[in-house]
C-alpha atoms as a PDB file:
ATOM      1  CA  UNK A   1      19.695  34.693  -3.912  1.00  0.00           C
ATOM      2  CA  UNK A   2      17.422  31.423  -4.779  1.00  0.00           C
ATOM      3  CA  UNK A   3      18.543  30.020  -8.370  1.00  0.00           C
ATOM      4  CA  UNK A   4      18.402  26.327  -9.656  1.00  0.00           C
ATOM      5  CA  UNK A   5      21.871  24.927 -10.189  1.00  0.00           C
ATOM      6  CA  UNK A   6      22.783  23.827 -14.155  1.00  0.00           C
ATOM      7  CA  UNK A   7      23.168  20.440 -14.262  1.00  0.00           C
ATOM      8  CA  UNK A   8      27.461  20.596 -14.660  1.00  0.00           C
ATOM      9  CA  UNK A   9      27.199  22.348 -10.989  1.00  0.00           C
ATOM     10  CA  UNK A  10      25.316  20.376  -8.988  1.00  0.00           C
ATOM     11  CA  UNK A  11      27.502  17.237 -10.366  1.00  0.00           C
ATOM     12  CA  UNK A  12      30.720  18.534  -9.481  1.00  0.00           C
ATOM     13  CA  UNK A  13      29.640  19.587  -5.870  1.00  0.00           C
ATOM     14  CA  UNK A  14      29.889  17.847  -3.063  1.00  0.00           C
ATOM     15  CA  UNK A  15      26.895  18.159  -0.668  1.00  0.00           C
ATOM     16  CA  UNK A  16      27.113  17.197   3.294  1.00  0.00           C
ATOM     17  CA  UNK A  17      23.847  17.255   5.281  1.00  0.00           C
ATOM     18  CA  UNK A  18      23.810  19.789   8.278  1.00  0.00           C
ATOM     19  CA  UNK A  19      24.802  18.561  11.348  1.00  0.00           C
ATOM     20  CA  UNK A  20      21.480  19.936  13.125  1.00  0.00           C
ATOM     21  CA  UNK A  21      19.211  17.831  10.793  1.00  0.00           C
ATOM     22  CA  UNK A  22      17.119  15.121  12.253  1.00  0.00           C
ATOM     23  CA  UNK A  23      17.990  11.758  10.698  1.00  0.00           C
ATOM     24  CA  UNK A  24      14.680  10.200  12.365  1.00  0.00           C
ATOM     25  CA  UNK A  25      13.125  12.583  10.366  1.00  0.00           C
ATOM     26  CA  UNK A  26      13.847  11.707   6.822  1.00  0.00           C
ATOM     27  CA  UNK A  27      11.591  15.279   5.741  1.00  0.00           C
ATOM     28  CA  UNK A  28      13.964  17.437   7.828  1.00  0.00           C
ATOM     29  CA  UNK A  29      16.747  17.434   5.995  1.00  0.00           C
ATOM     30  CA  UNK A  30      19.571  20.191   4.605  1.00  0.00           C
ATOM     31  CA  UNK A  31      22.406  20.178   2.602  1.00  0.00           C
ATOM     32  CA  UNK A  32      25.467  22.423   2.017  1.00  0.00           C
ATOM     33  CA  UNK A  33      28.248  22.324  -0.434  1.00  0.00           C
ATOM     34  CA  UNK A  34      30.996  24.897  -1.281  1.00  0.00           C
ATOM     35  CA  UNK A  35      32.478  26.206  -4.241  1.00  0.00           C
ATOM     36  CA  UNK A  36      35.378  28.586  -4.153  1.00  0.00           C
ATOM     37  CA  UNK A  37      32.496  31.505  -4.685  1.00  0.00           C
ATOM     38  CA  UNK A  38      30.136  30.088  -3.633  1.00  0.00           C
ATOM     39  CA  UNK A  39      27.651  28.495  -0.747  1.00  0.00           C
ATOM     40  CA  UNK A  40      25.043  26.408  -1.605  1.00  0.00           C
ATOM     41  CA  UNK A  41      22.652  25.024   0.576  1.00  0.00           C
ATOM     42  CA  UNK A  42      19.513  23.207  -0.891  1.00  0.00           C
ATOM     43  CA  UNK A  43      16.589  20.573   0.406  1.00  0.00           C
ATOM     44  CA  UNK A  44      17.704  16.678   0.353  1.00  0.00           C
ATOM     45  CA  UNK A  45      14.375  15.693  -0.716  1.00  0.00           C
ATOM     46  CA  UNK A  46      14.393  17.802  -4.001  1.00  0.00           C
ATOM     47  CA  UNK A  47      18.063  17.517  -4.363  1.00  0.00           C
ATOM     48  CA  UNK A  48      17.169  18.953  -8.578  1.00  0.00           C
ATOM     49  CA  UNK A  49      15.103  21.660  -7.037  1.00  0.00           C
ATOM     50  CA  UNK A  50      16.121  25.379  -5.709  1.00  0.00           C
ATOM     51  CA  UNK A  51      18.988  25.983  -4.093  1.00  0.00           C
ATOM     52  CA  UNK A  52      19.939  29.218  -1.577  1.00  0.00           C
ATOM     53  CA  UNK A  53      23.744  30.510  -2.774  1.00  0.00           C
ATOM     54  CA  UNK A  54      25.642  32.649  -0.808  1.00  0.00           C
ATOM     55  CA  UNK A  55      28.836  34.554  -1.050  1.00  0.00           C
ATOM     56  CA  UNK A  56      31.335  33.154   1.625  1.00  0.00           C
ATOM     57  CA  UNK A  57      31.416  36.481   3.403  1.00  0.00           C
ATOM     58  CA  UNK A  58      27.838  36.552   3.811  1.00  0.00           C
ATOM     59  CA  UNK A  59      27.213  33.082   5.073  1.00  0.00           C
ATOM     60  CA  UNK A  60      30.238  33.557   7.279  1.00  0.00           C
ATOM     61  CA  UNK A  61      28.159  36.639   9.114  1.00  0.00           C
ATOM     62  CA  UNK A  62      25.316  34.287   8.913  1.00  0.00           C
ATOM     63  CA  UNK A  63      26.430  31.443  10.765  1.00  0.00           C
ATOM     64  CA  UNK A  64      26.749  33.125  14.445  1.00  0.00           C
ATOM     65  CA  UNK A  65      23.725  34.702  13.822  1.00  0.00           C
ATOM     66  CA  UNK A  66      22.063  31.605  13.186  1.00  0.00           C
ATOM     67  CA  UNK A  67      23.802  29.727  16.271  1.00  0.00           C
ATOM     68  CA  UNK A  68      22.198  32.005  18.165  1.00  0.00           C
ATOM     69  CA  UNK A  69      18.750  31.615  17.529  1.00  0.00           C
END
């Protein structure tokens, strides 16, 4: 699901860059934040833009698939 987080949501999250983001190319950065009931993904170039949100179960199911592809 894609949605824009409210200002209150964004201010309380701690965002981490993906270990696969290319630090030499700042236009390719993904950031992840975890909350008790969601995992959020955003483009670091547009922190106020849309975010993908996943349940922890969906995220856990996705990670093995992504690591194989």
